[in-house]
Amino acid sequence: MRASQGDQLVQHGRVVGQHDQVTEIVEVMGTGGNPPYRVRFPDGREAIMSPGPDCEVRHPQEQK
C-alpha cells in the first residue's frame, strides 16, 4: 500500500450496516509512501494508522 499526502484512506465496514470510514492522509511517516500514516478524520481529530486488509487508498487524480 502506497500513499501520499492528500490521499484518502478508506476503512471499509466489517459488518452489515457499518459505513466506510474515510480519512485524509496528512503525513506519510513511512519510507516510499508506506505506512504508518497520520490521518485526519472529518471531525478534525488526528491519529496514526497502519492500515490493514480492510483499507484502501484513494488517490485524488483517480476520482476525477
PDB file of N, CA and C in Angstrom:
ATOM      1  N   MET A   1       0.848  -1.168   0.000  1.00  0.00           N
ATOM      2  CA  MET A   1       0.000   0.000   0.000  1.00  0.00           C
ATOM      3  C   MET A   1       0.893   1.231   0.000  1.00  0.00           C
ATOM      4  N   ARG A   2       0.692   2.096  -0.972  1.00  0.00           N
ATOM      5  CA  ARG A   2       1.472   3.328  -1.067  1.00  0.00           C
ATOM      6  C   ARG A   2       0.513   4.512  -1.147  1.00  0.00           C
ATOM      7  N   ALA A   3       0.866   5.567  -0.435  1.00  0.00           N
ATOM      8  CA  ALA A   3       0.027   6.757  -0.409  1.00  0.00           C
ATOM      9  C   ALA A   3       0.897   7.995  -0.355  1.00  0.00           C
ATOM     10  N   SER A   4       0.279   9.132  -0.582  1.00  0.00           N
ATOM     11  CA  SER A   4       0.961  10.407  -0.433  1.00  0.00           C
ATOM     12  C   SER A   4       0.011  11.377   0.265  1.00  0.00           C
ATOM     13  N   GLN A   5       0.569  12.479   0.713  1.00  0.00           N
ATOM     14  CA  GLN A   5      -0.220  13.472   1.421  1.00  0.00           C
ATOM     15  C   GLN A   5      -1.360  13.949   0.531  1.00  0.00           C
ATOM     16  N   GLY A   6      -2.564  14.036   1.097  1.00  0.00           N
ATOM     17  CA  GLY A   6      -3.740  14.458   0.349  1.00  0.00           C
ATOM     18  C   GLY A   6      -4.604  13.309  -0.133  1.00  0.00           C
ATOM     19  N   ASP A   7      -4.083  12.081  -0.130  1.00  0.00           N
ATOM     20  CA  ASP A   7      -4.886  10.918  -0.498  1.00  0.00           C
ATOM     21  C   ASP A   7      -5.899  10.630   0.602  1.00  0.00           C
ATOM     22  N   GLN A   8      -6.884   9.816   0.280  1.00  0.00           N
ATOM     23  CA  GLN A   8      -7.863   9.389   1.271  1.00  0.00           C
ATOM     24  C   GLN A   8      -7.574   7.946   1.669  1.00  0.00           C
ATOM     25  N   LEU A   9      -7.740   7.665   2.952  1.00  0.00           N
ATOM     26  CA  LEU A   9      -7.635   6.299   3.454  1.00  0.00           C
ATOM     27  C   LEU A   9      -9.045   5.856   3.805  1.00  0.00           C
ATOM     28  N   VAL A  10      -9.528   4.805   3.154  1.00  0.00           N
ATOM     29  CA  VAL A  10     -10.888   4.320   3.358  1.00  0.00           C
ATOM     30  C   VAL A  10     -10.822   2.996   4.097  1.00  0.00           C
ATOM     31  N   GLN A  11     -11.459   2.967   5.276  1.00  0.00           N
ATOM     32  CA  GLN A  11     -11.560   1.733   6.045  1.00  0.00           C
ATOM     33  C   GLN A  11     -12.981   1.222   5.870  1.00  0.00           C
ATOM     34  N   HIS A  12     -13.112   0.072   5.223  1.00  0.00           N
ATOM     35  CA  HIS A  12     -14.427  -0.482   4.911  1.00  0.00           C
ATOM     36  C   HIS A  12     -15.064  -1.082   6.163  1.00  0.00           C
ATOM     37  N   GLY A  13     -16.401  -0.924   6.254  1.00  0.00           N
ATOM     38  CA  GLY A  13     -17.142  -1.515   7.362  1.00  0.00           C
ATOM     39  C   GLY A  13     -17.007  -3.026   7.341  1.00  0.00           C
ATOM     40  N   ARG A  14     -16.909  -3.615   8.518  1.00  0.00           N
ATOM     41  CA  ARG A  14     -16.682  -5.069   8.601  1.00  0.00           C
ATOM     42  C   ARG A  14     -17.957  -5.858   8.853  1.00  0.00           C
ATOM     43  N   VAL A  15     -19.020  -5.174   9.242  1.00  0.00           N
ATOM     44  CA  VAL A  15     -20.284  -5.866   9.498  1.00  0.00           C
ATOM     45  C   VAL A  15     -21.393  -5.165   8.715  1.00  0.00           C
ATOM     46  N   VAL A  16     -22.468  -5.869   8.493  1.00  0.00           N
ATOM     47  CA  VAL A  16     -23.594  -5.316   7.752  1.00  0.00           C
ATOM     48  C   VAL A  16     -24.116  -4.077   8.477  1.00  0.00           C
ATOM     49  N   GLY A  17     -24.302  -3.004   7.732  1.00  0.00           N
ATOM     50  CA  GLY A  17     -24.825  -1.773   8.300  1.00  0.00           C
ATOM     51  C   GLY A  17     -23.765  -0.804   8.776  1.00  0.00           C
ATOM     52  N   GLN A  18     -22.523  -1.242   8.862  1.00  0.00           N
ATOM     53  CA  GLN A  18     -21.447  -0.343   9.287  1.00  0.00           C
ATOM     54  C   GLN A  18     -20.911   0.385   8.054  1.00  0.00           C
ATOM     55  N   HIS A  19     -20.842   1.706   8.129  1.00  0.00           N
ATOM     56  CA  HIS A  19     -20.406   2.518   6.994  1.00  0.00           C
ATOM     57  C   HIS A  19     -18.886   2.557   6.895  1.00  0.00           C
ATOM     58  N   ASP A  20     -18.411   2.878   5.689  1.00  0.00           N
ATOM     59  CA  ASP A  20     -16.984   3.086   5.484  1.00  0.00           C
ATOM     60  C   ASP A  20     -16.543   4.341   6.229  1.00  0.00           C
ATOM     61  N   GLN A  21     -15.317   4.323   6.720  1.00  0.00           N
ATOM     62  CA  GLN A  21     -14.747   5.480   7.405  1.00  0.00           C
ATOM     63  C   GLN A  21     -13.678   6.059   6.487  1.00  0.00           C
ATOM     64  N   VAL A  22     -13.852   7.321   6.104  1.00  0.00           N
ATOM     65  CA  VAL A  22     -12.938   7.977   5.163  1.00  0.00           C
ATOM     66  C   VAL A  22     -12.146   9.042   5.916  1.00  0.00           C
ATOM     67  N   THR A  23     -10.818   8.969   5.808  1.00  0.00           N
ATOM     68  CA  THR A  23      -9.944   9.953   6.432  1.00  0.00           C
ATOM     69  C   THR A  23      -8.995  10.507   5.378  1.00  0.00           C
ATOM     70  N   GLU A  24      -8.422  11.663   5.671  1.00  0.00           N
ATOM     71  CA  GLU A  24      -7.449  12.281   4.771  1.00  0.00           C
ATOM     72  C   GLU A  24      -6.047  12.026   5.309  1.00  0.00           C
ATOM     73  N   ILE A  25      -5.139  11.614   4.453  1.00  0.00           N
ATOM     74  CA  ILE A  25      -3.757  11.393   4.857  1.00  0.00           C
ATOM     75  C   ILE A  25      -3.057  12.754   4.884  1.00  0.00           C
ATOM     76  N   VAL A  26      -2.592  13.158   6.066  1.00  0.00           N
ATOM     77  CA  VAL A  26      -1.929  14.457   6.200  1.00  0.00           C
ATOM     78  C   VAL A  26      -0.414  14.316   6.304  1.00  0.00           C
ATOM     79  N   GLU A  27       0.068  13.099   6.574  1.00  0.00           N
ATOM     80  CA  GLU A  27       1.520  12.868   6.630  1.00  0.00           C
ATOM     81  C   GLU A  27       1.808  11.392   6.403  1.00  0.00           C
ATOM     82  N   VAL A  28       2.782  11.116   5.559  1.00  0.00           N
ATOM     83  CA  VAL A  28       3.261   9.750   5.345  1.00  0.00           C
ATOM     84  C   VAL A  28       4.504   9.594   6.206  1.00  0.00           C
ATOM     85  N   MET A  29       4.448   8.709   7.183  1.00  0.00           N
ATOM     86  CA  MET A  29       5.538   8.564   8.138  1.00  0.00           C
ATOM     87  C   MET A  29       6.502   7.450   7.762  1.00  0.00           C
ATOM     88  N   GLY A  30       6.105   6.580   6.851  1.00  0.00           N
ATOM     89  CA  GLY A  30       6.972   5.512   6.388  1.00  0.00           C
ATOM     90  C   GLY A  30       7.795   5.966   5.194  1.00  0.00           C
ATOM     91  N   THR A  31       8.668   5.100   4.728  1.00  0.00           N
ATOM     92  CA  THR A  31       9.503   5.437   3.574  1.00  0.00           C
ATOM     93  C   THR A  31       8.824   4.978   2.286  1.00  0.00           C
ATOM     94  N   GLY A  32       8.970   5.766   1.244  1.00  0.00           N
ATOM     95  CA  GLY A  32       8.444   5.382  -0.064  1.00  0.00           C
ATOM     96  C   GLY A  32       6.933   5.301  -0.141  1.00  0.00           C
ATOM     97  N   GLY A  33       6.216   6.042   0.698  1.00  0.00           N
ATOM     98  CA  GLY A  33       4.756   6.027   0.662  1.00  0.00           C
ATOM     99  C   GLY A  33       4.116   4.930   1.482  1.00  0.00           C
ATOM    100  N   ASN A  34       4.925   4.193   2.215  1.00  0.00           N
ATOM    101  CA  ASN A  34       4.411   3.094   3.037  1.00  0.00           C
ATOM    102  C   ASN A  34       3.926   3.586   4.393  1.00  0.00           C
ATOM    103  N   PRO A  35       3.057   2.797   5.067  1.00  0.00           N
ATOM    104  CA  PRO A  35       2.567   3.167   6.394  1.00  0.00           C
ATOM    105  C   PRO A  35       3.705   3.219   7.399  1.00  0.00           C
ATOM    106  N   PRO A  36       3.475   3.851   8.530  1.00  0.00           N
ATOM    107  CA  PRO A  36       2.216   4.402   9.050  1.00  0.00           C
ATOM    108  C   PRO A  36       1.907   5.768   8.463  1.00  0.00           C
ATOM    109  N   TYR A  37       0.620   6.146   8.597  1.00  0.00           N
ATOM    110  CA  TYR A  37       0.139   7.426   8.101  1.00  0.00           C
ATOM    111  C   TYR A  37      -0.494   8.213   9.241  1.00  0.00           C
ATOM    112  N   ARG A  38      -0.298   9.528   9.229  1.00  0.00           N
ATOM    113  CA  ARG A  38      -1.062  10.401  10.123  1.00  0.00           C
ATOM    114  C   ARG A  38      -2.288  10.810   9.320  1.00  0.00           C
ATOM    115  N   VAL A  39      -3.473  10.560   9.881  1.00  0.00           N
ATOM    116  CA  VAL A  39      -4.717  10.832   9.169  1.00  0.00           C
ATOM    117  C   VAL A  39      -5.570  11.824   9.959  1.00  0.00           C
ATOM    118  N   ARG A  40      -6.432  12.529   9.225  1.00  0.00           N
ATOM    119  CA  ARG A  40      -7.376  13.469   9.847  1.00  0.00           C
ATOM    120  C   ARG A  40      -8.794  13.001   9.537  1.00  0.00           C
ATOM    121  N   PHE A  41      -9.579  12.855  10.589  1.00  0.00           N
ATOM    122  CA  PHE A  41     -10.975  12.460  10.465  1.00  0.00           C
ATOM    123  C   PHE A  41     -11.820  13.683  10.105  1.00  0.00           C
ATOM    124  N   PRO A  42     -13.022  13.482   9.580  1.00  0.00           N
ATOM    125  CA  PRO A  42     -13.878  14.615   9.204  1.00  0.00           C
ATOM    126  C   PRO A  42     -14.172  15.582  10.363  1.00  0.00           C
ATOM    127  N   ASP A  43     -14.150  15.113  11.599  1.00  0.00           N
ATOM    128  CA  ASP A  43     -14.425  15.991  12.741  1.00  0.00           C
ATOM    129  C   ASP A  43     -13.181  16.731  13.234  1.00  0.00           C
ATOM    130  N   GLY A  44     -12.030  16.540  12.548  1.00  0.00           N
ATOM    131  CA  GLY A  44     -10.811  17.263  12.883  1.00  0.00           C
ATOM    132  C   GLY A  44      -9.815  16.494  13.743  1.00  0.00           C
ATOM    133  N   ARG A  45     -10.233  15.364  14.317  1.00  0.00           N
ATOM    134  CA  ARG A  45      -9.292  14.558  15.107  1.00  0.00           C
ATOM    135  C   ARG A  45      -8.212  14.005  14.186  1.00  0.00           C
ATOM    136  N   GLU A  46      -7.037  13.752  14.754  1.00  0.00           N
ATOM    137  CA  GLU A  46      -5.949  13.125  14.002  1.00  0.00           C
ATOM    138  C   GLU A  46      -5.483  11.874  14.730  1.00  0.00           C
ATOM    139  N   ALA A  47      -4.973  10.923  13.966  1.00  0.00           N
ATOM    140  CA  ALA A  47      -4.471   9.668  14.530  1.00  0.00           C
ATOM    141  C   ALA A  47      -3.383   9.128  13.617  1.00  0.00           C
ATOM    142  N   ILE A  48      -2.618   8.195  14.138  1.00  0.00           N
ATOM    143  CA  ILE A  48      -1.617   7.490  13.337  1.00  0.00           C
ATOM    144  C   ILE A  48      -2.172   6.099  13.062  1.00  0.00           C
ATOM    145  N   MET A  49      -2.192   5.714  11.784  1.00  0.00           N
ATOM    146  CA  MET A  49      -2.763   4.427  11.398  1.00  0.00           C
ATOM    147  C   MET A  49      -1.782   3.627  10.549  1.00  0.00           C
ATOM    148  N   SER A  50      -1.772   2.335  10.802  1.00  0.00           N
ATOM    149  CA  SER A  50      -1.109   1.368   9.931  1.00  0.00           C
ATOM    150  C   SER A  50      -2.228   0.503   9.369  1.00  0.00           C
ATOM    151  N   PRO A  51      -2.708   0.801   8.170  1.00  0.00           N
ATOM    152  CA  PRO A  51      -3.904   0.157   7.643  1.00  0.00           C
ATOM    153  C   PRO A  51      -3.761  -1.345   7.470  1.00  0.00           C
ATOM    154  N   GLY A  52      -4.884  -2.018   7.656  1.00  0.00           N
ATOM    155  CA  GLY A  52      -4.950  -3.465   7.485  1.00  0.00           C
ATOM    156  C   GLY A  52      -5.593  -3.816   6.151  1.00  0.00           C
ATOM    157  N   PRO A  53      -5.971  -5.083   5.988  1.00  0.00           N
ATOM    158  CA  PRO A  53      -6.520  -5.547   4.710  1.00  0.00           C
ATOM    159  C   PRO A  53      -7.913  -5.001   4.403  1.00  0.00           C
ATOM    160  N   ASP A  54      -8.567  -4.381   5.391  1.00  0.00           N
ATOM    161  CA  ASP A  54      -9.895  -3.818   5.160  1.00  0.00           C
ATOM    162  C   ASP A  54      -9.834  -2.361   4.706  1.00  0.00           C
ATOM    163  N   CYS A  55      -8.637  -1.881   4.366  1.00  0.00           N
ATOM    164  CA  CYS A  55      -8.440  -0.482   3.966  1.00  0.00           C
ATOM    165  C   CYS A  55      -7.980  -0.381   2.516  1.00  0.00           C
ATOM    166  N   GLU A  56      -8.256   0.780   1.928  1.00  0.00           N
ATOM    167  CA  GLU A  56      -7.732   1.086   0.600  1.00  0.00           C
ATOM    168  C   GLU A  56      -7.359   2.559   0.552  1.00  0.00           C
ATOM    169  N   VAL A  57      -6.442   2.894  -0.345  1.00  0.00           N
ATOM    170  CA  VAL A  57      -6.028   4.274  -0.550  1.00  0.00           C
ATOM    171  C   VAL A  57      -6.683   4.755  -1.837  1.00  0.00           C
ATOM    172  N   ARG A  58      -7.317   5.933  -1.744  1.00  0.00           N
ATOM    173  CA  ARG A  58      -7.896   6.565  -2.933  1.00  0.00           C
ATOM    174  C   ARG A  58      -7.076   7.808  -3.242  1.00  0.00           C
ATOM    175  N   HIS A  59      -6.588   7.872  -4.461  1.00  0.00           N
ATOM    176  CA  HIS A  59      -5.784   8.999  -4.916  1.00  0.00           C
ATOM    177  C   HIS A  59      -6.715  10.018  -5.570  1.00  0.00           C
ATOM    178  N   PRO A  60      -6.561  11.327  -5.281  1.00  0.00           N
ATOM    179  CA  PRO A  60      -7.470  12.336  -5.833  1.00  0.00           C
ATOM    180  C   PRO A  60      -7.547  12.310  -7.357  1.00  0.00           C
ATOM    181  N   GLN A  61      -6.456  12.070  -8.056  1.00  0.00           N
ATOM    182  CA  GLN A  61      -6.467  12.074  -9.510  1.00  0.00           C
ATOM    183  C   GLN A  61      -7.290  10.913 -10.077  1.00  0.00           C
ATOM    184  N   GLU A  62      -7.464   9.817  -9.325  1.00  0.00           N
ATOM    185  CA  GLU A  62      -8.266   8.679  -9.779  1.00  0.00           C
ATOM    186  C   GLU A  62      -9.753   8.979  -9.690  1.00  0.00           C
ATOM    187  N   GLN A  63     -10.161   9.920  -8.817  1.00  0.00           N
ATOM    188  CA  GLN A  63     -11.559  10.202  -8.596  1.00  0.00           C
ATOM    189  C   GLN A  63     -12.148  11.110  -9.652  1.00  0.00           C
ATOM    190  N   LYS A  64     -11.315  11.737 -10.472  1.00  0.00           N
ATOM    191  CA  LYS A  64     -11.807  12.680 -11.492  1.00  0.00           C
ATOM    192  C   LYS A  64     -12.160  11.973 -12.774  1.00  0.00           C
TER     193      LYS A  64
END
